[in-house]
Amino acid sequence: MAAWSAAQRGACRSIGFVPTMGALHPGHLALVSAAQARCERVVVSIFVNPLQFNDPRDLERYPRQVEEDVLLLEQVGAHVLFLPENEELYEGMLPVKRDLAGLDSVWEGPLRPGHFEGMLNAVERLFHFVRPEHAFFGEKDRQQLTIIKHVARQEHWPEQVSSVTTLRESDGLAMSSRNRLLGPGDRTLAASLYKALKVMEEMAQSHSLDQALEKAHGLLRSSARLTLEYLAFADPEDLRPVNEWGTRDTLIALVAARIGEVRLIDNLTVKRQRTHA
């Protein structure tokens, strides 16, 4: 991988990189499309990173379908698929623990200890081999995206980190590799996460944020199959929970829940709609 990347840079060809954990879906392909629009060469990696799974059962259940993924990437015209083994990727590397300015102290951080540290170590190593000019990440993993951008700025990574809007199913469910683990009844229930976020977005314009949250909570209380882990408004910069707009024009509505054995997350950017006299 490193030799190919060096040859591309030697020929002055820009490299766009899409890191994934496989089980590709149209959301991943949207990242590939964004990379193709910006760069002359596109690399996609598939690496199910054990360091970012704090639950071994979750790692074991994570869907894997490399042959199908290869066909998809050929169809959309990605240039290289990088499939590193765990030992190859981390050889000679000492894991780094970073100060993330509290970005890992909320939401996913306390629920998944070590997740962001493991994710960053993998991203750094993947960047080491691929050496892209641009790297593309989905907005569905908002906290991950925010943390990667923070570290890239703090450590002056040469890679430009770009985000791509979340792709959704027709009923609003955010596209995710984990969706295929949902049974038919749970699949219908999963769509209620997006409905709750939309209620938060709409009610936040004319009601207090607490009232918006209360209404959204009501939508998610109807099934014993759904265990809510968090539902909240957060500041778009530091991701801290907020209970009022203050001077902000933008908030992030966040949700995480387990539906049966499947854990799903989602978020929505909420823009303040100011009325003018």
Protein backbone atom coordinates (compact mmCIF):
# COMPACT_ATOMS: atom_id res chain seq x y z
CA MET A 1 0.00 0.00 0.00
CA ALA A 2 2.72 2.46 0.99
CA ALA A 3 4.65 1.85 -2.25
CA TRP A 4 1.55 2.40 -4.40
CA SER A 5 0.77 5.58 -2.52
CA ALA A 6 4.31 6.88 -2.96
CA ALA A 7 4.09 6.20 -6.71
CA GLN A 8 0.84 8.16 -6.97
CA ARG A 9 2.30 11.10 -5.11
CA GLY A 10 5.39 10.92 -7.30
CA ALA A 11 3.10 11.25 -10.32
CA CYS A 12 1.33 14.20 -8.64
CA ARG A 13 -1.98 12.35 -8.38
CA SER A 14 -4.16 13.30 -5.42
CA ILE A 15 -5.40 10.48 -3.18
CA GLY A 16 -8.79 10.39 -1.48
CA PHE A 17 -9.30 7.89 1.31
CA VAL A 18 -12.46 6.29 2.71
CA PRO A 19 -11.79 4.18 5.83
CA THR A 20 -14.54 1.64 6.58
CA MET A 21 -15.18 -1.51 8.59
CA GLY A 22 -16.82 -3.19 5.61
CA ALA A 23 -20.38 -4.48 5.13
CA LEU A 24 -20.69 -1.61 2.67
CA HIS A 25 -23.97 0.14 1.91
CA PRO A 26 -24.99 3.22 -0.13
CA GLY A 27 -23.80 5.53 2.66
CA HIS A 28 -20.26 4.23 2.19
CA LEU A 29 -20.59 4.57 -1.57
CA ALA A 30 -21.57 8.23 -1.09
CA LEU A 31 -18.21 8.70 0.65
CA VAL A 32 -16.49 7.07 -2.32
CA SER A 33 -18.38 9.38 -4.68
CA ALA A 34 -17.30 12.43 -2.65
CA ALA A 35 -13.69 11.24 -2.83
CA GLN A 36 -13.94 10.72 -6.59
CA ALA A 37 -15.24 14.26 -7.02
CA ARG A 38 -12.20 15.70 -5.21
CA CYS A 39 -9.33 13.34 -5.98
CA GLU A 40 -7.70 11.51 -8.87
CA ARG A 41 -7.25 8.24 -7.00
CA VAL A 42 -9.55 6.72 -4.38
CA VAL A 43 -8.54 4.18 -1.73
CA VAL A 44 -11.09 2.37 0.43
CA SER A 45 -9.98 0.37 3.46
CA ILE A 46 -11.85 -2.40 5.22
CA PHE A 47 -10.56 -3.02 8.72
CA VAL A 48 -12.74 -4.24 11.57
CA ASN A 49 -10.70 -2.65 14.31
CA PRO A 50 -10.72 -4.73 17.52
CA LEU A 51 -9.37 -1.79 19.54
CA GLN A 52 -12.60 0.17 19.20
CA PHE A 53 -14.93 -2.59 20.38
CA ASN A 54 -15.27 -2.61 24.15
CA ASP A 55 -17.77 -5.50 23.94
CA PRO A 56 -16.29 -8.72 22.44
CA ARG A 57 -19.80 -9.87 21.48
CA ASP A 58 -20.28 -6.72 19.41
CA LEU A 59 -17.00 -7.42 17.58
CA GLU A 60 -18.06 -11.01 16.91
CA ARG A 61 -21.50 -9.97 15.61
CA TYR A 62 -20.24 -7.19 13.36
CA PRO A 63 -21.25 -8.13 9.77
CA ARG A 64 -18.49 -9.16 7.36
CA GLN A 65 -18.98 -9.62 3.61
CA VAL A 66 -15.69 -8.90 1.87
CA GLU A 67 -16.56 -10.56 -1.45
CA GLU A 68 -19.73 -8.50 -1.82
CA ASP A 69 -17.82 -5.37 -0.81
CA VAL A 70 -15.19 -5.98 -3.49
CA LEU A 71 -17.89 -6.22 -6.16
CA LEU A 72 -19.52 -2.99 -4.98
CA LEU A 73 -16.23 -1.10 -5.05
CA GLU A 74 -15.44 -2.40 -8.53
CA GLN A 75 -18.85 -1.22 -9.73
CA VAL A 76 -18.34 2.32 -8.42
CA GLY A 77 -14.75 2.59 -9.66
CA ALA A 78 -12.66 2.76 -6.50
CA HIS A 79 -9.00 2.31 -7.43
CA VAL A 80 -7.63 0.38 -4.44
CA LEU A 81 -9.10 -1.71 -1.64
CA PHE A 82 -6.74 -1.83 1.36
CA LEU A 83 -7.38 -4.88 3.56
CA PRO A 84 -4.74 -4.80 6.29
CA GLU A 85 -4.40 -7.53 8.89
CA ASN A 86 -4.34 -6.46 12.52
CA GLU A 87 -0.66 -7.41 12.97
CA GLU A 88 0.35 -5.64 9.76
CA LEU A 89 -1.40 -2.40 10.64
CA TYR A 90 -0.12 -2.10 14.20
CA GLU A 91 3.36 -3.60 13.75
CA GLY A 92 5.92 -1.55 15.67
CA MET A 93 3.31 0.90 16.91
CA LEU A 94 2.85 1.90 20.53
CA PRO A 95 -0.77 2.95 21.11
CA VAL A 96 -1.09 6.66 21.85
CA LYS A 97 -3.44 8.10 24.48
CA ARG A 98 -4.48 11.61 23.57
CA ASP A 99 -6.05 14.53 25.37
CA LEU A 100 -9.30 15.00 23.48
CA ALA A 101 -10.33 18.18 25.32
CA GLY A 102 -13.30 16.42 26.88
CA LEU A 103 -14.83 15.43 23.54
CA ASP A 104 -14.68 11.79 24.65
CA SER A 105 -16.21 12.43 28.08
CA VAL A 106 -19.81 12.55 26.83
CA TRP A 107 -22.21 10.31 24.89
CA GLU A 108 -20.27 7.43 23.32
CA GLY A 109 -17.20 7.96 25.50
CA PRO A 110 -18.52 6.74 28.88
CA LEU A 111 -20.64 4.02 27.23
CA ARG A 112 -17.77 2.61 25.16
CA PRO A 113 -14.53 3.00 27.15
CA GLY A 114 -11.47 2.99 24.92
CA HIS A 115 -13.52 3.27 21.73
CA PHE A 116 -12.22 6.63 20.54
CA GLU A 117 -8.64 5.88 21.55
CA GLY A 118 -8.78 2.66 19.53
CA MET A 119 -10.42 4.40 16.58
CA LEU A 120 -7.78 7.15 16.48
CA ASN A 121 -4.91 4.68 16.62
CA ALA A 122 -6.38 2.82 13.65
CA VAL A 123 -7.03 6.01 11.66
CA GLU A 124 -3.50 7.25 12.29
CA ARG A 125 -2.01 3.95 11.09
CA LEU A 126 -4.25 3.80 8.04
CA PHE A 127 -3.20 7.35 7.16
CA HIS A 128 0.44 6.27 7.59
CA PHE A 129 0.09 3.65 4.85
CA VAL A 130 -2.33 5.39 2.49
CA ARG A 131 -0.96 8.97 2.84
CA PRO A 132 -4.06 10.64 1.41
CA GLU A 133 -4.56 14.32 0.75
CA HIS A 134 -8.22 14.00 1.69
CA ALA A 135 -10.07 11.60 4.00
CA PHE A 136 -13.85 11.25 4.03
CA PHE A 137 -16.05 10.38 7.01
CA GLY A 138 -19.83 10.22 7.43
CA GLU A 139 -21.76 12.60 9.66
CA LYS A 140 -23.73 9.71 11.19
CA ASP A 141 -20.82 9.15 13.57
CA ARG A 142 -20.85 12.79 14.61
CA GLN A 143 -18.76 12.43 17.76
CA GLN A 144 -16.13 10.39 15.92
CA LEU A 145 -15.99 13.00 13.15
CA THR A 146 -15.64 15.85 15.67
CA ILE A 147 -12.83 14.05 17.48
CA ILE A 148 -10.93 13.22 14.29
CA LYS A 149 -11.12 16.85 13.16
CA HIS A 150 -9.94 18.01 16.60
CA VAL A 151 -6.91 15.69 16.57
CA ALA A 152 -6.09 16.57 12.96
CA ARG A 153 -5.94 20.25 13.96
CA GLN A 154 -4.06 19.71 17.22
CA GLU A 155 -1.44 17.41 15.73
CA HIS A 156 -1.24 19.19 12.36
CA TRP A 157 -2.09 16.11 10.35
CA PRO A 158 -1.48 16.82 6.66
CA GLU A 159 -4.71 15.09 5.67
CA GLN A 160 -7.79 17.24 5.10
CA VAL A 161 -10.76 15.66 6.87
CA SER A 162 -14.07 16.08 5.04
CA SER A 163 -17.58 15.08 6.12
CA VAL A 164 -20.43 13.68 4.05
CA THR A 165 -24.13 13.96 4.91
CA THR A 166 -25.84 10.88 6.36
CA LEU A 167 -27.73 8.80 3.81
CA ARG A 168 -31.09 7.48 4.97
CA GLU A 169 -33.59 4.80 4.06
CA SER A 170 -37.01 5.89 2.78
CA ASP A 171 -38.39 5.91 6.35
CA GLY A 172 -35.49 8.02 7.64
CA LEU A 173 -33.39 5.30 9.29
CA ALA A 174 -29.72 6.20 8.96
CA MET A 175 -27.92 3.72 6.73
CA SER A 176 -25.65 1.51 8.81
CA SER A 177 -23.93 -1.84 8.44
CA ARG A 178 -25.70 -2.91 11.63
CA ASN A 179 -29.15 -2.44 10.09
CA ARG A 180 -28.88 -5.84 8.41
CA LEU A 181 -28.81 -7.44 11.87
CA LEU A 182 -32.33 -6.14 12.61
CA GLY A 183 -35.32 -8.46 12.33
CA PRO A 184 -38.43 -7.18 10.47
CA GLY A 185 -40.20 -5.94 13.62
CA ASP A 186 -37.05 -4.35 15.00
CA ARG A 187 -36.35 -2.75 11.63
CA THR A 188 -39.67 -0.88 11.84
CA LEU A 189 -38.92 0.13 15.42
CA ALA A 190 -35.47 1.43 14.43
CA ALA A 191 -37.07 4.07 12.21
CA SER A 192 -38.53 5.68 15.34
CA LEU A 193 -35.06 7.00 16.23
CA TYR A 194 -35.13 9.36 13.26
CA LYS A 195 -38.74 10.29 13.99
CA ALA A 196 -37.69 11.31 17.51
CA LEU A 197 -34.88 13.46 16.13
CA LYS A 198 -37.28 15.15 13.71
CA VAL A 199 -39.68 15.92 16.58
CA MET A 200 -36.78 17.50 18.46
CA GLU A 201 -35.86 19.57 15.40
CA GLU A 202 -39.40 20.81 14.84
CA MET A 203 -40.38 21.50 18.45
CA ALA A 204 -37.11 23.27 19.25
CA GLN A 205 -38.19 26.13 16.99
CA SER A 206 -41.18 27.17 19.12
CA HIS A 207 -40.89 25.30 22.44
CA SER A 208 -38.24 24.89 25.09
CA LEU A 209 -35.61 22.24 24.44
CA ASP A 210 -36.86 20.34 27.50
CA GLN A 211 -40.35 20.20 26.00
CA ALA A 212 -38.94 19.00 22.70
CA LEU A 213 -37.01 16.26 24.49
CA GLU A 214 -40.03 15.19 26.51
CA LYS A 215 -42.08 14.78 23.33
CA ALA A 216 -39.31 12.81 21.62
CA HIS A 217 -38.89 10.57 24.66
CA GLY A 218 -42.58 9.74 24.43
CA LEU A 219 -42.10 8.32 20.93
CA LEU A 220 -39.44 5.90 22.14
CA ARG A 221 -41.18 4.55 25.25
CA SER A 222 -43.64 2.32 23.42
CA SER A 223 -41.57 -0.86 23.08
CA ALA A 224 -39.73 -3.07 25.55
CA ARG A 225 -37.44 -4.03 22.66
CA LEU A 226 -35.93 -0.51 22.60
CA THR A 227 -33.50 0.50 25.33
CA LEU A 228 -32.64 4.19 25.11
CA GLU A 229 -29.05 5.07 26.04
CA TYR A 230 -29.19 8.80 25.37
CA LEU A 231 -31.39 11.37 23.67
CA ALA A 232 -30.23 14.96 23.92
CA PHE A 233 -29.35 18.29 22.38
CA ALA A 234 -25.65 19.12 22.23
CA ASP A 235 -23.44 22.05 21.33
CA PRO A 236 -22.08 21.54 17.79
CA GLU A 237 -18.52 22.45 18.77
CA ASP A 238 -17.80 20.72 22.10
CA LEU A 239 -20.77 18.28 22.07
CA ARG A 240 -21.69 19.19 25.66
CA PRO A 241 -25.39 18.76 26.51
CA VAL A 242 -27.45 21.95 26.34
CA ASN A 243 -30.96 22.82 27.51
CA GLU A 244 -31.38 26.16 25.75
CA TRP A 245 -30.40 27.79 22.49
CA GLY A 246 -28.54 30.67 24.12
CA THR A 247 -26.73 32.56 21.36
CA ARG A 248 -26.36 29.45 19.20
CA ASP A 249 -27.85 29.15 15.73
CA THR A 250 -27.17 25.42 15.48
CA LEU A 251 -27.59 22.43 17.79
CA ILE A 252 -27.02 18.71 17.35
CA ALA A 253 -29.81 16.31 18.28
CA LEU A 254 -28.30 12.96 19.30
CA VAL A 255 -29.71 9.52 19.98
CA ALA A 256 -28.34 6.07 20.84
CA ALA A 257 -30.42 2.99 21.57
CA ARG A 258 -30.32 -0.77 21.63
CA ILE A 259 -33.06 -2.52 19.71
CA GLY A 260 -32.86 -6.11 20.77
CA GLU A 261 -29.15 -6.92 20.51
CA VAL A 262 -28.38 -4.22 17.92
CA ARG A 263 -27.00 -0.85 18.97
CA LEU A 264 -27.78 2.13 16.72
CA ILE A 265 -26.78 5.79 16.83
CA ASP A 266 -27.99 8.78 14.86
CA ASN A 267 -27.92 12.57 14.94
CA LEU A 268 -29.44 15.55 13.22
CA THR A 269 -28.19 19.10 12.76
CA VAL A 270 -30.86 21.48 14.04
CA LYS A 271 -30.79 25.00 12.59
CA ARG A 272 -32.52 27.81 14.44
CA GLN A 273 -35.24 29.39 12.35
CA ARG A 274 -35.42 33.00 13.43
CA THR A 275 -38.55 34.99 12.68
CA HIS A 276 -38.14 38.53 11.42
CA ALA A 277 -40.65 41.26 12.13
